[in-house]
Amino acid sequence: MPRQFAGKPIYLLGSDYVFPRVINTILKNRLERLKIPMIGEDYIPLGNTEVVFVLERIVQSAPKGCVIINNLNGDTNVPFLKRCDRWIDRLKSIQLFLIVF
């Protein structure tokens, strides 16, 4: 992981179907072996564009920042990334980083 992520806990986010759940299961096993803390995990139904609730939950869970690993797909990813862009100053102030695949 890049140096600025060092010591930051992980928050897993994905669409609610098999691919993100399998990827996040693999990631959780890897994080556990590496002793990297995980502070949350959320799944949003495919096509759901209401994403503010999950971003607020992440910010509340990580007042000192975290790394969000984003496995959102399809129509849900665009509004999530747009909301992150609108909240960029707030997210930067608590050192909240985003990895998208």
N, C-alpha and C. Protein backbone atom coordinates (compact mmCIF):
# COMPACT_ATOMS: atom_id res chain seq x y z
N MET A 1 0.83 -1.18 0.00
CA MET A 1 0.00 0.00 0.00
C MET A 1 0.87 1.24 0.00
N PRO A 2 0.39 2.31 -0.64
CA PRO A 2 1.17 3.55 -0.62
C PRO A 2 1.40 4.05 0.81
N ARG A 3 2.47 4.76 1.00
CA ARG A 3 2.90 5.23 2.32
C ARG A 3 1.83 6.04 3.06
N GLN A 4 1.06 6.89 2.32
CA GLN A 4 0.06 7.71 2.99
C GLN A 4 -1.08 6.88 3.57
N PHE A 5 -1.21 5.62 3.16
CA PHE A 5 -2.24 4.73 3.69
C PHE A 5 -1.78 4.01 4.95
N ALA A 6 -0.51 4.07 5.25
CA ALA A 6 0.04 3.31 6.38
C ALA A 6 -0.69 3.64 7.67
N GLY A 7 -1.10 2.60 8.37
CA GLY A 7 -1.76 2.77 9.65
C GLY A 7 -3.24 3.09 9.56
N LYS A 8 -3.75 3.28 8.37
CA LYS A 8 -5.17 3.60 8.21
C LYS A 8 -5.98 2.31 8.17
N PRO A 9 -7.12 2.29 8.89
CA PRO A 9 -7.99 1.12 8.80
C PRO A 9 -8.70 1.08 7.45
N ILE A 10 -9.26 -0.06 7.13
CA ILE A 10 -9.90 -0.30 5.85
C ILE A 10 -11.41 -0.37 6.00
N TYR A 11 -12.12 0.20 5.04
CA TYR A 11 -13.57 0.09 4.96
C TYR A 11 -13.89 -0.50 3.60
N LEU A 12 -14.55 -1.67 3.58
CA LEU A 12 -14.88 -2.33 2.32
C LEU A 12 -16.28 -1.92 1.87
N LEU A 13 -16.42 -1.56 0.62
CA LEU A 13 -17.69 -1.12 0.06
C LEU A 13 -17.91 -1.82 -1.26
N GLY A 14 -19.10 -2.37 -1.46
CA GLY A 14 -19.36 -3.07 -2.71
C GLY A 14 -20.82 -3.08 -3.08
N SER A 15 -21.07 -3.46 -4.31
CA SER A 15 -22.44 -3.70 -4.76
C SER A 15 -22.88 -5.03 -4.18
N ASP A 16 -24.19 -5.16 -3.99
CA ASP A 16 -24.74 -6.34 -3.33
C ASP A 16 -24.98 -7.47 -4.33
N TYR A 17 -23.89 -8.10 -4.73
CA TYR A 17 -23.97 -9.32 -5.53
C TYR A 17 -22.66 -10.08 -5.39
N VAL A 18 -22.54 -11.20 -6.06
CA VAL A 18 -21.49 -12.17 -5.75
C VAL A 18 -20.06 -11.64 -5.93
N PHE A 19 -19.75 -10.95 -7.01
CA PHE A 19 -18.36 -10.54 -7.26
C PHE A 19 -17.78 -9.69 -6.13
N PRO A 20 -18.42 -8.56 -5.73
CA PRO A 20 -17.85 -7.77 -4.64
C PRO A 20 -17.77 -8.55 -3.32
N ARG A 21 -18.75 -9.40 -3.06
CA ARG A 21 -18.72 -10.17 -1.81
C ARG A 21 -17.54 -11.15 -1.80
N VAL A 22 -17.27 -11.79 -2.94
CA VAL A 22 -16.13 -12.72 -3.01
C VAL A 22 -14.82 -11.96 -2.90
N ILE A 23 -14.70 -10.86 -3.63
CA ILE A 23 -13.47 -10.05 -3.56
C ILE A 23 -13.24 -9.57 -2.13
N ASN A 24 -14.29 -9.09 -1.47
CA ASN A 24 -14.13 -8.59 -0.11
C ASN A 24 -13.81 -9.70 0.89
N THR A 25 -14.31 -10.90 0.65
CA THR A 25 -13.94 -12.04 1.50
C THR A 25 -12.44 -12.32 1.37
N ILE A 26 -11.95 -12.29 0.16
CA ILE A 26 -10.51 -12.49 -0.08
C ILE A 26 -9.71 -11.37 0.60
N LEU A 27 -10.18 -10.13 0.43
CA LEU A 27 -9.49 -8.98 1.04
C LEU A 27 -9.49 -9.08 2.56
N LYS A 28 -10.63 -9.48 3.15
CA LYS A 28 -10.69 -9.60 4.62
C LYS A 28 -9.67 -10.62 5.12
N ASN A 29 -9.55 -11.74 4.43
CA ASN A 29 -8.56 -12.75 4.83
C ASN A 29 -7.15 -12.19 4.73
N ARG A 30 -6.88 -11.47 3.68
CA ARG A 30 -5.55 -10.87 3.49
C ARG A 30 -5.27 -9.80 4.55
N LEU A 31 -6.25 -8.94 4.82
CA LEU A 31 -6.08 -7.90 5.83
C LEU A 31 -5.80 -8.51 7.20
N GLU A 32 -6.53 -9.56 7.51
CA GLU A 32 -6.33 -10.24 8.80
C GLU A 32 -4.91 -10.79 8.92
N ARG A 33 -4.44 -11.43 7.84
CA ARG A 33 -3.06 -11.96 7.87
C ARG A 33 -2.03 -10.87 8.01
N LEU A 34 -2.29 -9.72 7.42
CA LEU A 34 -1.35 -8.59 7.48
C LEU A 34 -1.57 -7.73 8.72
N LYS A 35 -2.57 -8.09 9.53
CA LYS A 35 -2.90 -7.35 10.76
C LYS A 35 -3.26 -5.89 10.47
N ILE A 36 -3.99 -5.69 9.37
CA ILE A 36 -4.49 -4.36 9.02
C ILE A 36 -5.94 -4.30 9.49
N PRO A 37 -6.28 -3.33 10.33
CA PRO A 37 -7.64 -3.28 10.87
C PRO A 37 -8.68 -2.93 9.80
N MET A 38 -9.83 -3.56 9.94
CA MET A 38 -10.97 -3.27 9.08
C MET A 38 -12.06 -2.68 9.97
N ILE A 39 -12.60 -1.52 9.59
CA ILE A 39 -13.58 -0.88 10.47
C ILE A 39 -15.01 -0.97 9.96
N GLY A 40 -15.20 -1.48 8.76
CA GLY A 40 -16.56 -1.59 8.27
C GLY A 40 -16.65 -2.24 6.91
N GLU A 41 -17.88 -2.62 6.58
CA GLU A 41 -18.16 -3.27 5.31
C GLU A 41 -19.63 -3.01 4.99
N ASP A 42 -19.89 -2.53 3.79
CA ASP A 42 -21.26 -2.25 3.36
C ASP A 42 -21.46 -2.71 1.93
N TYR A 43 -22.72 -3.10 1.65
CA TYR A 43 -23.11 -3.50 0.30
C TYR A 43 -24.37 -2.72 -0.08
N ILE A 44 -24.35 -2.15 -1.26
CA ILE A 44 -25.46 -1.36 -1.77
C ILE A 44 -26.10 -2.14 -2.92
N PRO A 45 -27.43 -2.26 -2.93
CA PRO A 45 -28.09 -2.98 -4.02
C PRO A 45 -27.73 -2.38 -5.39
N LEU A 46 -27.57 -3.24 -6.39
CA LEU A 46 -27.29 -2.77 -7.74
C LEU A 46 -28.36 -1.79 -8.19
N GLY A 47 -27.93 -0.72 -8.82
CA GLY A 47 -28.85 0.28 -9.34
C GLY A 47 -29.28 1.33 -8.33
N ASN A 48 -28.95 1.15 -7.08
CA ASN A 48 -29.32 2.12 -6.06
C ASN A 48 -28.42 3.34 -6.20
N THR A 49 -29.02 4.50 -6.33
CA THR A 49 -28.23 5.73 -6.47
C THR A 49 -28.23 6.57 -5.20
N GLU A 50 -28.88 6.08 -4.16
CA GLU A 50 -28.87 6.77 -2.86
C GLU A 50 -27.63 6.31 -2.10
N VAL A 51 -26.61 7.15 -2.08
CA VAL A 51 -25.32 6.74 -1.52
C VAL A 51 -24.85 7.60 -0.35
N VAL A 52 -25.56 8.68 -0.07
CA VAL A 52 -25.12 9.58 0.99
C VAL A 52 -25.04 8.84 2.32
N PHE A 53 -26.01 7.97 2.60
CA PHE A 53 -26.03 7.25 3.88
C PHE A 53 -24.76 6.45 4.10
N VAL A 54 -24.25 5.82 3.07
CA VAL A 54 -23.05 4.98 3.27
C VAL A 54 -21.81 5.86 3.44
N LEU A 55 -21.73 6.96 2.74
CA LEU A 55 -20.58 7.85 2.91
C LEU A 55 -20.60 8.48 4.29
N GLU A 56 -21.78 8.85 4.77
CA GLU A 56 -21.88 9.39 6.13
C GLU A 56 -21.48 8.33 7.16
N ARG A 57 -21.89 7.08 6.95
CA ARG A 57 -21.52 6.00 7.86
C ARG A 57 -20.01 5.79 7.88
N ILE A 58 -19.39 5.88 6.71
CA ILE A 58 -17.93 5.71 6.64
C ILE A 58 -17.24 6.84 7.40
N VAL A 59 -17.66 8.08 7.17
CA VAL A 59 -17.05 9.23 7.84
C VAL A 59 -17.21 9.11 9.36
N GLN A 60 -18.39 8.68 9.82
CA GLN A 60 -18.62 8.50 11.26
C GLN A 60 -17.76 7.37 11.83
N SER A 61 -17.53 6.33 11.03
CA SER A 61 -16.74 5.19 11.50
C SER A 61 -15.24 5.49 11.53
N ALA A 62 -14.84 6.51 10.80
CA ALA A 62 -13.41 6.78 10.63
C ALA A 62 -13.10 8.25 10.87
N PRO A 63 -13.28 8.75 12.10
CA PRO A 63 -13.01 10.18 12.34
C PRO A 63 -11.55 10.57 12.13
N LYS A 64 -10.66 9.59 12.15
CA LYS A 64 -9.23 9.87 11.91
C LYS A 64 -8.80 9.34 10.55
N GLY A 65 -9.77 9.04 9.70
CA GLY A 65 -9.48 8.62 8.33
C GLY A 65 -9.46 7.12 8.16
N CYS A 66 -9.51 6.72 6.89
CA CYS A 66 -9.44 5.31 6.53
C CYS A 66 -9.19 5.21 5.03
N VAL A 67 -9.07 3.98 4.59
CA VAL A 67 -8.96 3.69 3.16
C VAL A 67 -10.23 2.94 2.78
N ILE A 68 -10.99 3.51 1.84
CA ILE A 68 -12.18 2.84 1.33
C ILE A 68 -11.76 2.02 0.11
N ILE A 69 -12.03 0.73 0.15
CA ILE A 69 -11.82 -0.10 -1.03
C ILE A 69 -13.21 -0.27 -1.66
N ASN A 70 -13.38 0.32 -2.83
CA ASN A 70 -14.67 0.44 -3.49
C ASN A 70 -14.82 -0.61 -4.58
N ASN A 71 -15.78 -1.52 -4.37
CA ASN A 71 -16.16 -2.51 -5.38
C ASN A 71 -17.58 -2.27 -5.87
N LEU A 72 -18.00 -1.01 -5.90
CA LEU A 72 -19.33 -0.70 -6.42
C LEU A 72 -19.30 -0.85 -7.94
N ASN A 73 -20.42 -1.28 -8.49
CA ASN A 73 -20.50 -1.47 -9.93
C ASN A 73 -21.72 -0.78 -10.50
N GLY A 74 -21.67 -0.53 -11.79
CA GLY A 74 -22.82 -0.02 -12.52
C GLY A 74 -23.28 1.35 -12.06
N ASP A 75 -24.60 1.49 -12.03
CA ASP A 75 -25.23 2.79 -11.78
C ASP A 75 -24.97 3.34 -10.39
N THR A 76 -24.51 2.52 -9.47
CA THR A 76 -24.27 2.99 -8.09
C THR A 76 -22.93 3.71 -7.97
N ASN A 77 -21.96 3.31 -8.74
CA ASN A 77 -20.62 3.87 -8.62
C ASN A 77 -20.56 5.35 -9.00
N VAL A 78 -21.26 5.73 -10.04
CA VAL A 78 -21.21 7.13 -10.50
C VAL A 78 -21.70 8.10 -9.43
N PRO A 79 -22.90 7.90 -8.83
CA PRO A 79 -23.31 8.85 -7.78
C PRO A 79 -22.41 8.81 -6.56
N PHE A 80 -21.83 7.65 -6.25
CA PHE A 80 -20.92 7.57 -5.11
C PHE A 80 -19.68 8.42 -5.37
N LEU A 81 -19.09 8.27 -6.54
CA LEU A 81 -17.89 9.04 -6.87
C LEU A 81 -18.19 10.54 -6.98
N LYS A 82 -19.36 10.88 -7.51
CA LYS A 82 -19.74 12.30 -7.58
C LYS A 82 -19.89 12.88 -6.17
N ARG A 83 -20.50 12.12 -5.26
CA ARG A 83 -20.65 12.59 -3.88
C ARG A 83 -19.28 12.76 -3.24
N CYS A 84 -18.38 11.81 -3.47
CA CYS A 84 -17.02 11.94 -2.93
C CYS A 84 -16.37 13.21 -3.45
N ASP A 85 -16.58 13.51 -4.73
CA ASP A 85 -16.01 14.72 -5.31
C ASP A 85 -16.58 15.97 -4.64
N ARG A 86 -17.89 15.97 -4.37
CA ARG A 86 -18.51 17.12 -3.69
C ARG A 86 -18.01 17.27 -2.26
N TRP A 87 -17.67 16.17 -1.64
CA TRP A 87 -17.21 16.17 -0.25
C TRP A 87 -15.69 16.18 -0.14
N ILE A 88 -14.99 16.48 -1.21
CA ILE A 88 -13.54 16.29 -1.24
C ILE A 88 -12.82 17.01 -0.10
N ASP A 89 -13.19 18.24 0.22
CA ASP A 89 -12.52 18.95 1.32
C ASP A 89 -12.73 18.25 2.65
N ARG A 90 -13.95 17.82 2.89
CA ARG A 90 -14.26 17.09 4.13
C ARG A 90 -13.48 15.77 4.21
N LEU A 91 -13.44 15.05 3.09
CA LEU A 91 -12.75 13.76 3.08
C LEU A 91 -11.24 13.93 3.24
N LYS A 92 -10.68 14.94 2.60
CA LYS A 92 -9.25 15.20 2.73
C LYS A 92 -8.89 15.62 4.15
N SER A 93 -9.78 16.36 4.79
CA SER A 93 -9.47 16.85 6.14
C SER A 93 -9.35 15.72 7.16
N ILE A 94 -10.03 14.61 6.92
CA ILE A 94 -9.88 13.47 7.84
C ILE A 94 -9.03 12.36 7.23
N GLN A 95 -8.37 12.65 6.13
CA GLN A 95 -7.50 11.69 5.46
C GLN A 95 -8.24 10.40 5.10
N LEU A 96 -9.31 10.57 4.35
CA LEU A 96 -10.07 9.44 3.87
C LEU A 96 -9.66 9.20 2.41
N PHE A 97 -9.10 8.04 2.15
CA PHE A 97 -8.58 7.70 0.83
C PHE A 97 -9.51 6.71 0.15
N LEU A 98 -9.53 6.71 -1.19
CA LEU A 98 -10.43 5.85 -1.95
C LEU A 98 -9.64 5.05 -2.98
N ILE A 99 -9.84 3.74 -2.93
CA ILE A 99 -9.28 2.84 -3.96
C ILE A 99 -10.46 2.24 -4.70
N VAL A 100 -10.47 2.36 -6.02
CA VAL A 100 -11.59 1.87 -6.83
C VAL A 100 -11.09 0.78 -7.75
N PHE A 101 -11.83 -0.36 -7.74
CA PHE A 101 -11.54 -1.30 -8.81
C PHE A 101 -12.74 -1.75 -9.53
